[in-house]
Every structure is written in C-alpha cells, then in structure tokens.
Amino acid sequence: MADPVRDIIGDYQAFAAQQAERLLSRGIDIRPYALSHLAFRVPEWDQYVHVRTLLERHAVANRENVWNGRPISLIVPAVPLEVLDGKAVPLIELIPPVHQRVYKMGLEHLGVVVGDTFDAFVETHKPVLTGQQFQGPNSTPDPVYVLFEDFTHVKFYRLSLRASVELDAGPFADGFDHVDDWEPQRLVTATGPNPLPR
C-alpha cells in the first residue's frame, strides 16, 4: 500500500522499532505509553521548505513557530502514522538548521508521552537517561531523553508536544500557518560570523 509520508521522511516504522528495541535493552519499555511525535531534521533551509511543502500535501495542519532562532513546523498528518504494532503518531516535527550540536539528519527522535507518572519515570530510569532538554518557561515539564550512539534520541514528556503547545498558545486549527518574513540568518561562532547552511 502506498505511503507518501514514508516516501518523504523514510521508514519511520523501522526507526520507531529500532528506538523501542534500544530502550528495552536499557530497561525502558515504551509499550504502555502513547506517542507524541516523530522529529525529522534537515541540514539546509531550502530543503526544510521543500520537505514542509511535501508533507503539507498529506496533512491537515501545520503550526510553524520560531523556536531557538528558527522556524519549526508541527505538522498534523491527515492520517496519523502507525508504528509499533498499531500505535498512532499524531504529529511530525520538522526541524531546520541551526543546530546547537551534532544531530542526526533525517529521522532524529521519537517523542513518548509518559503522562502523570513522569516524575516517577524519571526517578526510576535516571541511571540510563542522558539528560533533560530545557525548552523554556512554558515547558510542562522539560522532557528527558536518551541519546544513542548514532545521535538519534527518544524524548519523554509529561504532555505530548502538541498538548504542550496548545496549553501555551491555544488549539491547533486546520490549515497551514507559516512564519512570515523570516530569512536564514548568519551564525556567529568563535571564528566569526558564518552563513547558515542553505
């Protein structure tokens, strides 16, 4: 059966299965939990715009906003993606440059909703968690994550990414909202200003 989203972002089912297996080897079973989203990273701004356009052809909404200095798309597929024997993935997070550190391009992380047991989950699994990502004053709370050797992640949330955004900025509406008048900026590093990848 045709899967146009898979044609755009790659084999997301195999990616989710790989991440779940890696977590099991660390003592974390994600089968009881809902999924928040899949994140897909691209190295260049022009590629971001292209992939965003392709994904929107198979979506009902995109709430694009500026985070960490660049637009990020939160795309709601017309049909939720299905992974891990029937779990729904209701959102695709599309992330362009700039990156603060090394990240895997393509399918980069899987978001898992731990829910009200978040604090106990963190306490139980602290020995195998890599860290916590601080996402700003409205994060509820900031997600924790496991980083794997190939620079992919699994992130664990109390609320789904969509629910967190809606709590702060209101419900998603159908349609495609893009950030207006944003241009790729220059990146200032220790070696001076450098153009962002295009």
Protein backbone atom coordinates (compact mmCIF):
# COMPACT_ATOMS: atom_id res chain seq x y z
CA MET A 1 0.00 0.00 0.00
CA ALA A 2 1.33 3.47 -0.89
CA ASP A 3 2.67 5.55 1.98
CA PRO A 4 3.54 9.05 0.74
CA VAL A 5 4.84 10.19 4.14
CA ARG A 6 7.28 7.27 4.22
CA ASP A 7 8.44 8.29 0.75
CA ILE A 8 9.23 11.77 2.13
CA ILE A 9 10.82 11.08 5.53
CA GLY A 10 11.94 7.46 5.22
CA ASP A 11 10.99 4.26 7.02
CA TYR A 12 9.54 5.75 10.20
CA GLN A 13 8.16 2.35 11.27
CA ALA A 14 11.63 0.79 11.27
CA PHE A 15 13.00 3.87 13.05
CA ALA A 16 10.41 3.63 15.84
CA ALA A 17 11.00 -0.12 16.19
CA GLN A 18 14.77 0.41 16.41
CA GLN A 19 14.39 3.07 19.11
CA ALA A 20 11.97 0.88 21.10
CA GLU A 21 14.40 -2.06 20.97
CA ARG A 22 17.28 0.13 22.07
CA LEU A 23 15.24 1.35 25.02
CA LEU A 24 14.30 -2.20 26.04
CA SER A 25 17.99 -3.05 26.24
CA ARG A 26 18.27 -0.18 28.75
CA GLY A 27 15.28 -1.35 30.77
CA ILE A 28 12.66 1.06 29.37
CA ASP A 29 9.51 -0.44 27.86
CA ILE A 30 7.51 2.16 25.94
CA ARG A 31 4.63 -0.17 25.03
CA PRO A 32 2.34 1.22 27.78
CA TYR A 33 2.75 4.82 26.60
CA ALA A 34 1.20 6.94 23.88
CA LEU A 35 3.45 8.56 21.31
CA SER A 36 3.81 12.31 20.88
CA HIS A 37 5.59 12.82 17.57
CA LEU A 38 8.40 11.93 15.22
CA ALA A 39 11.08 14.53 14.51
CA PHE A 40 12.74 14.90 11.13
CA ARG A 41 15.79 17.14 10.72
CA VAL A 42 17.18 18.66 7.55
CA PRO A 43 20.60 20.25 7.07
CA GLU A 44 19.62 23.16 4.83
CA TRP A 45 16.92 25.82 4.87
CA ASP A 46 15.87 25.24 1.26
CA GLN A 47 15.41 21.54 1.99
CA TYR A 48 13.27 22.42 5.01
CA VAL A 49 10.90 24.45 2.82
CA HIS A 50 10.78 21.64 0.24
CA VAL A 51 10.04 18.90 2.80
CA ARG A 52 7.49 21.12 4.55
CA THR A 53 5.66 21.58 1.23
CA LEU A 54 5.67 17.85 0.50
CA LEU A 55 4.42 16.92 3.99
CA GLU A 56 1.66 19.53 3.91
CA ARG A 57 0.18 17.76 0.87
CA HIS A 58 -0.65 14.88 3.24
CA ALA A 59 -1.58 16.93 6.31
CA VAL A 60 -4.49 18.90 7.74
CA ALA A 61 -2.47 21.46 9.71
CA ASN A 62 0.94 22.95 10.28
CA ARG A 63 1.61 25.29 13.16
CA GLU A 64 5.00 26.77 12.37
CA ASN A 65 6.64 28.88 15.04
CA VAL A 66 10.06 30.27 15.83
CA TRP A 67 12.00 28.35 18.44
CA ASN A 68 15.69 28.71 19.19
CA GLY A 69 16.11 31.27 16.42
CA ARG A 70 14.48 29.46 13.51
CA PRO A 71 11.04 28.30 12.37
CA ILE A 72 10.00 24.78 13.27
CA SER A 73 6.95 23.06 11.75
CA LEU A 74 4.50 20.99 13.77
CA ILE A 75 2.65 19.10 11.06
CA VAL A 76 -0.54 17.12 11.70
CA PRO A 77 -0.83 14.29 9.15
CA ALA A 78 -4.26 13.75 7.60
CA VAL A 79 -3.91 10.13 8.75
CA PRO A 80 -1.83 9.53 11.90
CA LEU A 81 1.30 7.50 11.20
CA GLU A 82 1.20 3.98 12.59
CA VAL A 83 4.19 2.36 14.31
CA LEU A 84 4.98 -0.33 16.88
CA ASP A 85 2.05 -2.64 16.11
CA GLY A 86 -0.65 0.00 15.87
CA LYS A 87 0.48 2.98 17.95
CA ALA A 88 -0.50 6.30 16.41
CA VAL A 89 2.00 9.10 15.81
CA PRO A 90 -0.21 12.20 15.50
CA LEU A 91 2.46 14.83 14.75
CA ILE A 92 5.63 15.35 12.72
CA GLU A 93 8.12 17.91 13.97
CA LEU A 94 10.17 19.26 11.06
CA ILE A 95 13.38 20.94 12.19
CA PRO A 96 15.72 23.04 10.02
CA PRO A 97 19.19 24.42 10.84
CA VAL A 98 20.79 25.86 13.01
CA HIS A 99 21.78 23.07 15.36
CA GLN A 100 23.48 23.62 18.70
CA ARG A 101 25.45 20.39 18.45
CA VAL A 102 25.72 17.25 16.35
CA TYR A 103 22.35 15.80 15.42
CA LYS A 104 21.36 13.02 13.08
CA MET A 105 19.79 14.33 9.91
CA GLY A 106 16.57 12.65 8.78
CA LEU A 107 14.52 10.78 11.37
CA GLU A 108 16.08 12.04 14.57
CA HIS A 109 13.85 11.45 17.56
CA LEU A 110 10.70 9.77 18.77
CA GLY A 111 8.57 11.52 21.40
CA VAL A 112 6.90 9.40 24.09
CA VAL A 113 4.13 10.63 26.43
CA VAL A 114 4.73 9.30 29.93
CA GLY A 115 1.82 11.25 31.44
CA ASP A 116 1.23 11.77 35.14
CA THR A 117 3.88 9.18 36.04
CA PHE A 118 6.59 11.43 34.54
CA ASP A 119 8.34 12.19 37.85
CA ALA A 120 8.38 8.53 38.90
CA PHE A 121 9.54 7.55 35.41
CA VAL A 122 12.48 9.96 35.64
CA GLU A 123 13.42 8.72 39.10
CA THR A 124 13.23 5.06 38.05
CA HIS A 125 15.20 5.46 34.83
CA LYS A 126 17.65 8.17 35.84
CA PRO A 127 20.67 5.83 35.51
CA VAL A 128 20.04 5.36 31.76
CA LEU A 129 18.71 8.81 30.87
CA THR A 130 21.20 11.02 29.07
CA GLY A 131 19.78 14.37 30.13
CA GLN A 132 16.98 16.88 30.15
CA GLN A 133 16.21 19.39 27.41
CA PHE A 134 15.29 22.84 28.69
CA GLN A 135 12.66 24.21 26.37
CA GLY A 136 11.69 27.45 28.04
CA PRO A 137 9.42 28.80 30.76
CA ASN A 138 6.22 27.19 29.46
CA SER A 139 7.51 23.62 29.20
CA THR A 140 5.43 21.25 31.36
CA PRO A 141 7.99 19.94 32.45
CA ASP A 142 11.05 19.85 30.25
CA PRO A 143 11.46 16.48 28.53
CA VAL A 144 14.14 13.98 29.46
CA TYR A 145 15.87 11.95 26.79
CA VAL A 146 18.10 9.06 25.87
CA LEU A 147 20.80 9.81 23.29
CA PHE A 148 22.06 6.90 21.22
CA GLU A 149 25.44 6.37 19.55
CA ASP A 150 24.14 7.47 16.13
CA PHE A 151 22.98 10.84 17.55
CA THR A 152 19.30 9.89 17.47
CA HIS A 153 17.12 10.28 20.56
CA VAL A 154 13.97 9.23 22.32
CA LYS A 155 12.38 12.05 24.34
CA PHE A 156 9.95 11.52 27.20
CA TYR A 157 7.24 14.06 28.03
CA ARG A 158 4.51 14.53 30.63
CA LEU A 159 2.29 16.01 27.89
CA SER A 160 2.55 15.47 24.16
CA LEU A 161 4.33 18.17 22.18
CA ARG A 162 1.02 19.22 20.66
CA ALA A 163 -0.72 19.40 24.05
CA SER A 164 2.14 21.49 25.47
CA VAL A 165 1.97 23.94 22.56
CA GLU A 166 -1.82 24.16 22.80
CA LEU A 167 -1.65 24.79 26.55
CA ASP A 168 0.54 27.81 25.85
CA ALA A 169 -0.81 29.09 22.50
CA GLY A 170 -4.30 27.65 22.04
CA PRO A 171 -5.71 24.83 19.91
CA PHE A 172 -4.35 23.92 16.52
CA ALA A 173 -6.60 25.00 13.68
CA ASP A 174 -6.83 23.23 10.34
CA GLY A 175 -4.69 24.90 7.71
CA PHE A 176 -1.08 25.88 7.32
CA ASP A 177 0.40 28.73 9.33
CA HIS A 178 3.92 29.73 8.35
CA VAL A 179 6.24 32.24 9.95
CA ASP A 180 6.21 35.35 7.77
CA ASP A 181 9.25 37.41 6.78
CA TRP A 182 11.85 35.05 8.26
CA GLU A 183 15.16 34.80 6.43
CA PRO A 184 18.05 32.45 7.22
CA GLN A 185 20.39 34.38 9.47
CA ARG A 186 24.12 34.47 9.91
CA LEU A 187 25.55 32.20 12.57
CA VAL A 188 28.07 33.85 14.89
CA THR A 189 30.68 31.42 16.18
CA ALA A 190 34.05 31.71 17.90
CA THR A 191 35.61 32.00 14.44
CA GLY A 192 33.32 34.84 13.40
CA PRO A 193 30.04 35.22 11.55
CA ASN A 194 29.34 32.40 9.15
CA PRO A 195 26.42 31.99 6.76
CA LEU A 196 23.87 29.39 7.73
CA PRO A 197 23.65 26.32 5.51
CA ARG A 198 21.25 26.94 2.61
